[in-house]
Amino acid sequence: MSLTFKEEVELINEKKGQIIGMSLKKDREFVLERKGEEGLKKVEEEMEKFGYSLKCEQIKDYKWYPVQLDSLFLLVAKKTFHWNDKMMRKWGCWAAKTHFLAKIMAKFFISKKKFERAGVATRFWRKYYTQGFLTVNFDDRNRCGTVEIRDFLVVPIHYRYLEGYFSQIVSLVILSSKLKIEETPAGKKNTFRFKITW
């Protein structure tokens, strides 16, 4: 789905739920690392124009914030710095490498069967978001699998970011030079699916 910036902002405003503060901080750290304090300030100033005034230093790790702050930050940073899909995937990979919750999730991915059990993936999802469900399935015989997010409005700005995020985690379990993860149609409203092949 290709949307204009304005259309994507409108879609972001329809999102429901909250996100944990440490996740918001982590994405701001990526911008700090890449573009410095001036770059982060530019993005924060742009966010204020949309009614979301929140400075990095004000974010509390274990406080819940409107989920729009997550997607809008990604969108505004992408637009401000003219980042392409490749950079958004890199951002997602970086987040999975550096976020301690992602590292815990990766340990469970190592035991694929354990992670497939009902509720385990969603419990990890709940550490980040108050809305939605995450399911993970692997088919070793056919060298494929799926990661599915349900009952959560995933906006286009998240597509490439999440590809990078999940590919980083899956790469810790599946050691293959042919590992590939890509968005695939889910066929249901507010459901987003990635297909994994190796």
N, C-alpha and C. Protein backbone atom coordinates (compact mmCIF):
# COMPACT_ATOMS: atom_id res chain seq x y z
N MET A 1 0.85 -1.17 0.00
CA MET A 1 0.00 0.00 0.00
C MET A 1 0.90 1.24 0.00
N SER A 2 0.71 2.09 -0.99
CA SER A 2 1.50 3.31 -1.08
C SER A 2 0.61 4.50 -0.72
N LEU A 3 0.95 5.17 0.36
CA LEU A 3 0.17 6.31 0.83
C LEU A 3 1.01 7.58 0.80
N THR A 4 0.33 8.71 0.68
CA THR A 4 1.03 9.98 0.82
C THR A 4 1.36 10.18 2.30
N PHE A 5 2.23 11.13 2.58
CA PHE A 5 2.58 11.44 3.97
C PHE A 5 1.32 11.80 4.76
N LYS A 6 0.48 12.65 4.18
CA LYS A 6 -0.75 13.09 4.86
C LYS A 6 -1.67 11.92 5.15
N GLU A 7 -1.84 11.01 4.17
CA GLU A 7 -2.70 9.85 4.36
C GLU A 7 -2.16 8.93 5.47
N GLU A 8 -0.83 8.80 5.50
CA GLU A 8 -0.25 7.94 6.53
C GLU A 8 -0.43 8.55 7.92
N VAL A 9 -0.31 9.88 8.02
CA VAL A 9 -0.55 10.55 9.30
C VAL A 9 -1.99 10.32 9.75
N GLU A 10 -2.94 10.42 8.81
CA GLU A 10 -4.36 10.18 9.13
C GLU A 10 -4.57 8.75 9.63
N LEU A 11 -3.90 7.80 9.00
CA LEU A 11 -4.01 6.40 9.41
C LEU A 11 -3.40 6.20 10.80
N ILE A 12 -2.27 6.82 11.05
CA ILE A 12 -1.62 6.72 12.37
C ILE A 12 -2.56 7.22 13.45
N ASN A 13 -3.28 8.29 13.18
CA ASN A 13 -4.21 8.85 14.17
C ASN A 13 -5.37 7.92 14.51
N GLU A 14 -5.61 6.91 13.66
CA GLU A 14 -6.68 5.93 13.92
C GLU A 14 -6.21 4.79 14.82
N LYS A 15 -4.92 4.69 15.06
CA LYS A 15 -4.38 3.58 15.86
C LYS A 15 -4.91 3.62 17.29
N LYS A 16 -5.06 2.43 17.86
CA LYS A 16 -5.53 2.30 19.24
C LYS A 16 -4.43 1.66 20.09
N GLY A 17 -4.44 1.97 21.36
CA GLY A 17 -3.52 1.33 22.28
C GLY A 17 -2.38 2.23 22.70
N GLN A 18 -1.45 1.61 23.45
CA GLN A 18 -0.32 2.33 23.99
C GLN A 18 0.96 1.54 23.76
N ILE A 19 2.08 2.25 23.88
CA ILE A 19 3.41 1.65 23.72
C ILE A 19 4.24 1.99 24.96
N ILE A 20 5.13 1.09 25.33
CA ILE A 20 5.97 1.32 26.52
C ILE A 20 7.06 2.35 26.20
N GLY A 21 7.37 3.20 27.16
CA GLY A 21 8.32 4.28 26.96
C GLY A 21 9.70 3.86 26.50
N MET A 22 10.22 2.73 27.02
CA MET A 22 11.58 2.32 26.64
C MET A 22 11.69 2.06 25.15
N SER A 23 10.59 1.66 24.51
CA SER A 23 10.61 1.44 23.07
C SER A 23 10.70 2.77 22.32
N LEU A 24 9.97 3.77 22.80
CA LEU A 24 10.05 5.10 22.19
C LEU A 24 11.47 5.66 22.32
N LYS A 25 12.07 5.45 23.49
CA LYS A 25 13.43 5.94 23.72
C LYS A 25 14.42 5.27 22.77
N LYS A 26 14.25 3.98 22.57
CA LYS A 26 15.18 3.22 21.73
C LYS A 26 15.20 3.79 20.31
N ASP A 27 14.05 4.12 19.76
CA ASP A 27 14.02 4.67 18.40
C ASP A 27 14.65 6.06 18.35
N ARG A 28 14.52 6.81 19.40
CA ARG A 28 15.15 8.13 19.46
C ARG A 28 16.68 8.00 19.54
N GLU A 29 17.14 6.94 20.19
CA GLU A 29 18.58 6.68 20.26
C GLU A 29 19.16 6.41 18.87
N PHE A 30 18.38 5.74 18.02
CA PHE A 30 18.85 5.48 16.65
C PHE A 30 19.06 6.79 15.91
N VAL A 31 18.10 7.71 16.03
CA VAL A 31 18.22 9.01 15.37
C VAL A 31 19.40 9.79 15.95
N LEU A 32 19.57 9.74 17.27
CA LEU A 32 20.72 10.40 17.91
C LEU A 32 22.04 9.86 17.36
N GLU A 33 22.11 8.54 17.23
CA GLU A 33 23.33 7.90 16.74
C GLU A 33 23.62 8.30 15.29
N ARG A 34 22.57 8.39 14.49
CA ARG A 34 22.74 8.68 13.05
C ARG A 34 22.84 10.17 12.75
N LYS A 35 22.04 10.97 13.45
CA LYS A 35 21.91 12.38 13.07
C LYS A 35 22.25 13.36 14.19
N GLY A 36 22.61 12.86 15.36
CA GLY A 36 23.00 13.72 16.46
C GLY A 36 21.83 14.45 17.11
N GLU A 37 22.16 15.29 18.07
CA GLU A 37 21.12 16.01 18.82
C GLU A 37 20.32 16.95 17.95
N GLU A 38 20.99 17.57 16.98
CA GLU A 38 20.28 18.48 16.08
C GLU A 38 19.24 17.73 15.24
N GLY A 39 19.61 16.55 14.80
CA GLY A 39 18.68 15.72 14.01
C GLY A 39 17.47 15.32 14.83
N LEU A 40 17.71 14.90 16.07
CA LEU A 40 16.61 14.50 16.94
C LEU A 40 15.71 15.70 17.21
N LYS A 41 16.31 16.85 17.43
CA LYS A 41 15.53 18.07 17.70
C LYS A 41 14.62 18.40 16.51
N LYS A 42 15.14 18.22 15.30
CA LYS A 42 14.34 18.49 14.08
C LYS A 42 13.09 17.61 14.06
N VAL A 43 13.28 16.32 14.35
CA VAL A 43 12.16 15.38 14.33
C VAL A 43 11.16 15.74 15.43
N GLU A 44 11.65 16.04 16.61
CA GLU A 44 10.75 16.40 17.72
C GLU A 44 9.96 17.66 17.41
N GLU A 45 10.58 18.62 16.75
CA GLU A 45 9.87 19.85 16.37
C GLU A 45 8.79 19.57 15.34
N GLU A 46 9.08 18.68 14.40
CA GLU A 46 8.08 18.29 13.40
C GLU A 46 6.91 17.56 14.07
N MET A 47 7.21 16.72 15.05
CA MET A 47 6.17 15.97 15.76
C MET A 47 5.22 16.94 16.47
N GLU A 48 5.77 18.03 17.01
CA GLU A 48 4.95 19.04 17.70
C GLU A 48 3.88 19.62 16.78
N LYS A 49 4.20 19.73 15.50
CA LYS A 49 3.24 20.27 14.52
C LYS A 49 2.00 19.39 14.40
N PHE A 50 2.14 18.12 14.77
CA PHE A 50 1.02 17.18 14.70
C PHE A 50 0.36 16.99 16.06
N GLY A 51 0.77 17.81 17.02
CA GLY A 51 0.16 17.76 18.34
C GLY A 51 0.77 16.76 19.30
N TYR A 52 1.95 16.24 18.96
CA TYR A 52 2.62 15.26 19.82
C TYR A 52 3.94 15.86 20.31
N SER A 53 3.87 16.53 21.43
CA SER A 53 5.04 17.19 21.99
C SER A 53 5.62 16.32 23.10
N LEU A 54 6.70 15.63 22.78
CA LEU A 54 7.36 14.77 23.77
C LEU A 54 8.85 14.73 23.45
N LYS A 55 9.63 15.25 24.36
CA LYS A 55 11.09 15.25 24.19
C LYS A 55 11.66 13.94 24.73
N CYS A 56 12.76 13.51 24.15
CA CYS A 56 13.40 12.25 24.53
C CYS A 56 13.65 12.17 26.03
N GLU A 57 14.16 13.26 26.60
CA GLU A 57 14.50 13.25 28.04
C GLU A 57 13.28 13.18 28.95
N GLN A 58 12.09 13.43 28.40
CA GLN A 58 10.85 13.36 29.19
C GLN A 58 10.28 11.94 29.25
N ILE A 59 10.74 11.07 28.38
CA ILE A 59 10.18 9.72 28.28
C ILE A 59 10.63 8.86 29.46
N LYS A 60 9.67 8.25 30.13
CA LYS A 60 9.94 7.33 31.25
C LYS A 60 9.89 5.90 30.71
N ASP A 61 10.89 5.10 31.05
CA ASP A 61 11.00 3.74 30.51
C ASP A 61 9.74 2.90 30.69
N TYR A 62 9.15 2.92 31.88
CA TYR A 62 8.05 2.00 32.17
C TYR A 62 6.67 2.68 32.19
N LYS A 63 6.59 3.84 31.56
CA LYS A 63 5.31 4.52 31.43
C LYS A 63 4.74 4.19 30.05
N TRP A 64 3.41 4.10 29.98
CA TRP A 64 2.74 3.83 28.71
C TRP A 64 2.35 5.15 28.04
N TYR A 65 2.56 5.21 26.71
CA TYR A 65 2.29 6.41 25.93
C TYR A 65 1.37 6.05 24.75
N PRO A 66 0.68 7.06 24.17
CA PRO A 66 -0.15 6.78 22.99
C PRO A 66 0.69 6.15 21.88
N VAL A 67 0.16 5.11 21.27
CA VAL A 67 0.90 4.35 20.26
C VAL A 67 1.24 5.21 19.03
N GLN A 68 0.50 6.28 18.82
CA GLN A 68 0.77 7.16 17.69
C GLN A 68 2.18 7.74 17.76
N LEU A 69 2.72 7.92 18.97
CA LEU A 69 4.06 8.48 19.13
C LEU A 69 5.13 7.59 18.49
N ASP A 70 4.86 6.31 18.39
CA ASP A 70 5.78 5.35 17.79
C ASP A 70 5.80 5.51 16.27
N SER A 71 4.66 5.31 15.65
CA SER A 71 4.58 5.34 14.18
C SER A 71 4.89 6.71 13.62
N LEU A 72 4.39 7.75 14.27
CA LEU A 72 4.62 9.10 13.77
C LEU A 72 6.10 9.46 13.83
N PHE A 73 6.79 9.02 14.87
CA PHE A 73 8.23 9.29 14.97
C PHE A 73 8.97 8.65 13.79
N LEU A 74 8.63 7.39 13.48
CA LEU A 74 9.27 6.71 12.34
C LEU A 74 9.00 7.47 11.05
N LEU A 75 7.73 7.85 10.86
CA LEU A 75 7.32 8.53 9.62
C LEU A 75 8.01 9.88 9.46
N VAL A 76 8.01 10.67 10.53
CA VAL A 76 8.61 12.01 10.48
C VAL A 76 10.13 11.92 10.27
N ALA A 77 10.79 10.97 10.93
CA ALA A 77 12.23 10.79 10.75
C ALA A 77 12.53 10.39 9.31
N LYS A 78 11.75 9.47 8.78
CA LYS A 78 11.96 9.03 7.39
C LYS A 78 11.85 10.20 6.43
N LYS A 79 10.83 11.01 6.62
CA LYS A 79 10.61 12.17 5.74
C LYS A 79 11.70 13.23 5.94
N THR A 80 12.03 13.53 7.19
CA THR A 80 13.01 14.56 7.50
C THR A 80 14.38 14.25 6.90
N PHE A 81 14.80 13.00 6.98
CA PHE A 81 16.14 12.63 6.53
C PHE A 81 16.15 11.93 5.18
N HIS A 82 14.99 11.83 4.54
CA HIS A 82 14.86 11.20 3.21
C HIS A 82 15.39 9.76 3.24
N TRP A 83 15.02 9.04 4.31
CA TRP A 83 15.46 7.66 4.43
C TRP A 83 14.59 6.75 3.56
N ASN A 84 15.23 5.77 2.94
CA ASN A 84 14.51 4.83 2.07
C ASN A 84 14.15 3.54 2.83
N ASP A 85 13.54 2.59 2.13
CA ASP A 85 13.13 1.33 2.75
C ASP A 85 14.31 0.57 3.35
N LYS A 86 15.44 0.64 2.67
CA LYS A 86 16.64 -0.06 3.16
C LYS A 86 17.05 0.48 4.53
N MET A 87 16.99 1.80 4.68
CA MET A 87 17.34 2.40 5.97
C MET A 87 16.32 2.03 7.04
N MET A 88 15.03 1.94 6.68
CA MET A 88 14.02 1.57 7.66
C MET A 88 14.23 0.13 8.14
N ARG A 89 14.62 -0.77 7.22
CA ARG A 89 14.94 -2.15 7.63
C ARG A 89 16.16 -2.15 8.56
N LYS A 90 17.15 -1.33 8.22
CA LYS A 90 18.35 -1.24 9.05
C LYS A 90 17.99 -0.74 10.45
N TRP A 91 17.07 0.21 10.52
CA TRP A 91 16.61 0.74 11.80
C TRP A 91 15.97 -0.37 12.63
N GLY A 92 15.11 -1.18 11.98
CA GLY A 92 14.47 -2.30 12.66
C GLY A 92 15.48 -3.32 13.17
N CYS A 93 16.48 -3.64 12.34
CA CYS A 93 17.55 -4.56 12.76
C CYS A 93 18.29 -4.00 13.97
N TRP A 94 18.62 -2.73 13.91
CA TRP A 94 19.35 -2.07 15.00
C TRP A 94 18.55 -2.16 16.30
N ALA A 95 17.25 -1.90 16.21
CA ALA A 95 16.39 -1.95 17.40
C ALA A 95 16.40 -3.35 18.02
N ALA A 96 16.32 -4.38 17.16
CA ALA A 96 16.32 -5.75 17.67
C ALA A 96 17.66 -6.14 18.28
N LYS A 97 18.74 -5.56 17.78
CA LYS A 97 20.07 -5.87 18.31
C LYS A 97 20.31 -5.20 19.66
N THR A 98 19.71 -4.03 19.86
CA THR A 98 20.07 -3.23 21.02
C THR A 98 19.03 -3.19 22.14
N HIS A 99 17.80 -3.58 21.87
CA HIS A 99 16.74 -3.50 22.87
C HIS A 99 16.73 -4.76 23.73
N PHE A 100 16.78 -4.60 25.04
CA PHE A 100 16.90 -5.78 25.90
C PHE A 100 15.67 -6.68 25.82
N LEU A 101 14.47 -6.14 25.57
CA LEU A 101 13.29 -7.00 25.41
C LEU A 101 13.42 -7.87 24.16
N ALA A 102 14.00 -7.29 23.11
CA ALA A 102 14.20 -8.06 21.88
C ALA A 102 15.20 -9.19 22.12
N LYS A 103 16.19 -8.94 22.95
CA LYS A 103 17.17 -9.99 23.25
C LYS A 103 16.52 -11.13 24.01
N ILE A 104 15.60 -10.80 24.91
CA ILE A 104 14.86 -11.85 25.63
C ILE A 104 14.00 -12.63 24.65
N MET A 105 13.33 -11.92 23.74
CA MET A 105 12.50 -12.58 22.73
C MET A 105 13.34 -13.53 21.89
N ALA A 106 14.54 -13.10 21.53
CA ALA A 106 15.42 -13.93 20.70
C ALA A 106 15.75 -15.25 21.39
N LYS A 107 15.91 -15.22 22.71
CA LYS A 107 16.20 -16.46 23.44
C LYS A 107 15.06 -17.46 23.28
N PHE A 108 13.83 -16.95 23.25
CA PHE A 108 12.69 -17.85 23.07
C PHE A 108 12.59 -18.34 21.63
N PHE A 109 12.99 -17.52 20.68
CA PHE A 109 12.99 -17.95 19.29
C PHE A 109 13.94 -19.12 19.11
N ILE A 110 15.02 -19.16 19.90
CA ILE A 110 16.00 -20.23 19.77
C ILE A 110 15.33 -21.58 19.95
N SER A 111 14.35 -21.65 20.84
CA SER A 111 13.53 -22.84 20.95
C SER A 111 12.24 -22.56 20.18
N LYS A 112 12.26 -22.87 18.90
CA LYS A 112 11.12 -22.51 18.03
C LYS A 112 9.81 -23.05 18.57
N LYS A 113 9.84 -24.29 19.02
CA LYS A 113 8.60 -24.91 19.51
C LYS A 113 8.05 -24.16 20.72
N LYS A 114 8.95 -23.73 21.60
CA LYS A 114 8.53 -22.99 22.79
C LYS A 114 7.84 -21.68 22.38
N PHE A 115 8.41 -21.03 21.38
CA PHE A 115 7.86 -19.74 20.97
C PHE A 115 6.52 -19.89 20.26
N GLU A 116 6.31 -21.05 19.61
CA GLU A 116 5.05 -21.29 18.90
C GLU A 116 3.89 -21.54 19.86
N ARG A 117 4.19 -21.95 21.09
CA ARG A 117 3.13 -22.24 22.04
C ARG A 117 2.18 -21.07 22.20
N ALA A 118 0.91 -21.39 22.34
CA ALA A 118 -0.13 -20.36 22.46
C ALA A 118 0.21 -19.36 23.54
N GLY A 119 0.19 -18.11 23.18
CA GLY A 119 0.33 -17.06 24.17
C GLY A 119 1.73 -16.56 24.43
N VAL A 120 2.77 -17.35 24.14
CA VAL A 120 4.13 -16.93 24.46
C VAL A 120 4.51 -15.68 23.66
N ALA A 121 4.30 -15.71 22.35
CA ALA A 121 4.65 -14.57 21.50
C ALA A 121 3.84 -13.33 21.90
N THR A 122 2.56 -13.54 22.18
CA THR A 122 1.71 -12.40 22.56
C THR A 122 2.15 -11.81 23.90
N ARG A 123 2.61 -12.65 24.82
CA ARG A 123 3.10 -12.11 26.09
C ARG A 123 4.29 -11.17 25.86
N PHE A 124 5.17 -11.51 24.92
CA PHE A 124 6.27 -10.62 24.58
C PHE A 124 5.76 -9.35 23.91
N TRP A 125 4.79 -9.50 23.03
CA TRP A 125 4.18 -8.34 22.35
C TRP A 125 3.62 -7.37 23.39
N ARG A 126 3.00 -7.90 24.43
CA ARG A 126 2.39 -7.09 25.48
C ARG A 126 3.42 -6.29 26.30
N LYS A 127 4.67 -6.69 26.23
CA LYS A 127 5.70 -5.90 26.90
C LYS A 127 5.96 -4.60 26.15
N TYR A 128 5.57 -4.56 24.88
CA TYR A 128 5.74 -3.37 24.05
C TYR A 128 4.43 -2.60 23.85
N TYR A 129 3.35 -3.33 23.59
CA TYR A 129 2.07 -2.74 23.20
C TYR A 129 0.92 -3.26 24.05
N THR A 130 -0.11 -2.41 24.24
CA THR A 130 -1.30 -2.85 24.97
C THR A 130 -2.34 -3.46 24.04
N GLN A 131 -2.14 -3.34 22.74
CA GLN A 131 -3.13 -3.78 21.75
C GLN A 131 -2.49 -4.80 20.81
N GLY A 132 -3.26 -5.79 20.40
CA GLY A 132 -2.81 -6.73 19.38
C GLY A 132 -2.29 -8.05 19.93
N PHE A 133 -2.09 -8.99 18.98
CA PHE A 133 -1.61 -10.34 19.30
C PHE A 133 -0.54 -10.72 18.29
N LEU A 134 0.49 -11.40 18.77
CA LEU A 134 1.58 -11.86 17.91
C LEU A 134 1.61 -13.38 17.92
N THR A 135 1.66 -13.98 16.73
CA THR A 135 1.82 -15.44 16.64
C THR A 135 3.00 -15.74 15.72
N VAL A 136 3.71 -16.81 16.03
CA VAL A 136 4.87 -17.23 15.25
C VAL A 136 4.74 -18.72 14.98
N ASN A 137 4.96 -19.10 13.72
CA ASN A 137 4.92 -20.52 13.35
C ASN A 137 6.11 -20.85 12.46
N PHE A 138 6.72 -22.01 12.68
CA PHE A 138 7.83 -22.48 11.85
C PHE A 138 7.48 -23.83 11.25
N ASP A 139 7.89 -24.05 10.01
CA ASP A 139 7.71 -25.33 9.33
C ASP A 139 9.10 -25.75 8.83
N ASP A 140 9.82 -26.50 9.68
CA ASP A 140 11.20 -26.87 9.35
C ASP A 140 11.29 -27.71 8.09
N ARG A 141 10.31 -28.59 7.89
CA ARG A 141 10.34 -29.48 6.73
C ARG A 141 10.34 -28.68 5.42
N ASN A 142 9.51 -27.64 5.36
CA ASN A 142 9.41 -26.82 4.15
C ASN A 142 10.27 -25.55 4.21
N ARG A 143 11.05 -25.44 5.30
CA ARG A 143 11.97 -24.32 5.47
C ARG A 143 11.27 -22.97 5.30
N CYS A 144 10.18 -22.83 6.07
CA CYS A 144 9.43 -21.56 6.03
C CYS A 144 8.72 -21.34 7.36
N GLY A 145 8.14 -20.18 7.51
CA GLY A 145 7.40 -19.85 8.72
C GLY A 145 6.66 -18.55 8.54
N THR A 146 5.93 -18.16 9.57
CA THR A 146 5.21 -16.88 9.52
C THR A 146 5.29 -16.18 10.88
N VAL A 147 5.26 -14.88 10.81
CA VAL A 147 5.09 -14.02 11.98
C VAL A 147 3.85 -13.21 11.67
N GLU A 148 2.86 -13.27 12.54
CA GLU A 148 1.60 -12.58 12.28
C GLU A 148 1.22 -11.68 13.46
N ILE A 149 0.81 -10.46 13.13
CA ILE A 149 0.31 -9.51 14.12
C ILE A 149 -1.17 -9.30 13.84
N ARG A 150 -2.03 -9.58 14.84
CA ARG A 150 -3.48 -9.46 14.66
C ARG A 150 -4.06 -8.39 15.58
N ASP A 151 -5.21 -7.88 15.16
CA ASP A 151 -5.95 -6.88 15.95
C ASP A 151 -5.07 -5.68 16.32
N PHE A 152 -4.28 -5.26 15.35
CA PHE A 152 -3.38 -4.13 15.55
C PHE A 152 -3.23 -3.44 14.21
N LEU A 153 -3.46 -2.16 14.17
CA LEU A 153 -3.35 -1.41 12.93
C LEU A 153 -1.88 -1.12 12.65
N VAL A 154 -1.30 -1.91 11.74
CA VAL A 154 0.08 -1.70 11.34
C VAL A 154 0.06 -0.75 10.14
N VAL A 155 0.66 0.41 10.31
CA VAL A 155 0.66 1.40 9.23
C VAL A 155 1.87 1.17 8.34
N PRO A 156 1.81 1.61 7.07
CA PRO A 156 2.90 1.31 6.12
C PRO A 156 4.31 1.66 6.59
N ILE A 157 4.48 2.71 7.38
CA ILE A 157 5.82 3.08 7.82
C ILE A 157 6.47 1.96 8.63
N HIS A 158 5.66 1.12 9.24
CA HIS A 158 6.19 0.03 10.06
C HIS A 158 6.60 -1.20 9.24
N TYR A 159 6.13 -1.31 7.99
CA TYR A 159 6.38 -2.53 7.23
C TYR A 159 7.86 -2.87 7.15
N ARG A 160 8.67 -1.96 6.60
CA ARG A 160 10.09 -2.26 6.43
C ARG A 160 10.83 -2.32 7.77
N TYR A 161 10.43 -1.48 8.70
CA TYR A 161 11.03 -1.49 10.05
C TYR A 161 10.84 -2.87 10.69
N LEU A 162 9.62 -3.39 10.64
CA LEU A 162 9.36 -4.70 11.25
C LEU A 162 10.03 -5.83 10.48
N GLU A 163 10.17 -5.69 9.15
CA GLU A 163 10.93 -6.69 8.40
C GLU A 163 12.35 -6.78 8.96
N GLY A 164 12.96 -5.64 9.18
CA GLY A 164 14.30 -5.63 9.75
C GLY A 164 14.34 -6.17 11.16
N TYR A 165 13.36 -5.78 11.95
CA TYR A 165 13.28 -6.20 13.35
C TYR A 165 13.18 -7.72 13.47
N PHE A 166 12.20 -8.30 12.78
CA PHE A 166 12.00 -9.74 12.89
C PHE A 166 13.09 -10.53 12.17
N SER A 167 13.64 -10.00 11.08
CA SER A 167 14.71 -10.73 10.40
C SER A 167 15.95 -10.83 11.30
N GLN A 168 16.20 -9.79 12.09
CA GLN A 168 17.33 -9.83 13.03
C GLN A 168 17.12 -10.91 14.09
N ILE A 169 15.91 -10.97 14.64
CA ILE A 169 15.63 -11.97 15.68
C ILE A 169 15.66 -13.39 15.10
N VAL A 170 15.02 -13.57 13.94
CA VAL A 170 14.98 -14.91 13.33
C VAL A 170 16.38 -15.36 12.92
N SER A 171 17.25 -14.43 12.52
CA SER A 171 18.60 -14.80 12.09
C SER A 171 19.42 -15.41 13.22
N LEU A 172 19.01 -15.19 14.47
CA LEU A 172 19.70 -15.79 15.60
C LEU A 172 19.36 -17.27 15.77
N VAL A 173 18.25 -17.67 15.15
CA VAL A 173 17.76 -19.04 15.26
C VAL A 173 18.05 -19.84 14.00
N ILE A 174 17.81 -19.20 12.86
CA ILE A 174 17.96 -19.88 11.58
C ILE A 174 19.22 -19.34 10.91
N LEU A 175 20.26 -20.14 10.93
CA LEU A 175 21.53 -19.73 10.36
C LEU A 175 21.58 -20.18 8.90
N SER A 176 21.17 -19.30 8.04
CA SER A 176 21.13 -19.61 6.61
C SER A 176 21.40 -18.35 5.81
N SER A 177 22.23 -18.47 4.80
CA SER A 177 22.50 -17.32 3.94
C SER A 177 21.29 -17.00 3.06
N LYS A 178 20.33 -17.94 3.01
CA LYS A 178 19.13 -17.75 2.19
C LYS A 178 17.95 -17.21 2.98
N LEU A 179 18.16 -16.89 4.26
CA LEU A 179 17.08 -16.39 5.09
C LEU A 179 16.47 -15.13 4.48
N LYS A 180 15.15 -15.16 4.37
CA LYS A 180 14.44 -14.02 3.78
C LYS A 180 13.14 -13.83 4.55
N ILE A 181 12.81 -12.59 4.85
CA ILE A 181 11.54 -12.29 5.50
C ILE A 181 10.90 -11.15 4.74
N GLU A 182 9.63 -11.33 4.39
CA GLU A 182 8.94 -10.30 3.63
C GLU A 182 7.46 -10.27 3.98
N GLU A 183 6.90 -9.10 3.82
CA GLU A 183 5.48 -8.91 4.06
C GLU A 183 4.70 -9.76 3.07
N THR A 184 3.62 -10.36 3.55
CA THR A 184 2.75 -11.17 2.67
C THR A 184 1.30 -10.88 3.04
N PRO A 185 0.39 -10.92 2.07
CA PRO A 185 -1.01 -10.60 2.39
C PRO A 185 -1.58 -11.50 3.47
N ALA A 186 -2.28 -10.90 4.41
CA ALA A 186 -2.88 -11.67 5.51
C ALA A 186 -4.35 -11.97 5.24
N GLY A 187 -5.00 -11.15 4.42
CA GLY A 187 -6.39 -11.39 4.05
C GLY A 187 -7.41 -11.01 5.10
N LYS A 188 -6.98 -10.40 6.19
CA LYS A 188 -7.91 -9.98 7.24
C LYS A 188 -7.60 -8.55 7.63
N LYS A 189 -8.63 -7.84 8.06
CA LYS A 189 -8.46 -6.46 8.50
C LYS A 189 -7.62 -6.41 9.78
N ASN A 190 -6.75 -5.41 9.85
CA ASN A 190 -5.89 -5.21 11.02
C ASN A 190 -5.05 -6.44 11.37
N THR A 191 -4.64 -7.16 10.30
CA THR A 191 -3.73 -8.29 10.47
C THR A 191 -2.58 -8.10 9.51
N PHE A 192 -1.39 -8.33 10.00
CA PHE A 192 -0.18 -8.10 9.23
C PHE A 192 0.69 -9.35 9.33
N ARG A 193 1.17 -9.86 8.20
CA ARG A 193 1.91 -11.13 8.21
C ARG A 193 3.22 -11.03 7.44
N PHE A 194 4.24 -11.67 8.01
CA PHE A 194 5.53 -11.81 7.33
C PHE A 194 5.73 -13.29 7.03
N LYS A 195 6.25 -13.57 5.85
CA LYS A 195 6.63 -14.92 5.50
C LYS A 195 8.14 -15.04 5.65
N ILE A 196 8.56 -16.11 6.30
CA ILE A 196 9.99 -16.38 6.50
C ILE A 196 10.36 -17.59 5.64
N THR A 197 11.41 -17.48 4.89
CA THR A 197 11.93 -18.64 4.13
C THR A 197 13.44 -18.73 4.35
N TRP A 198 13.96 -19.96 4.24
CA TRP A 198 15.41 -20.15 4.39
C TRP A 198 15.88 -21.38 3.64
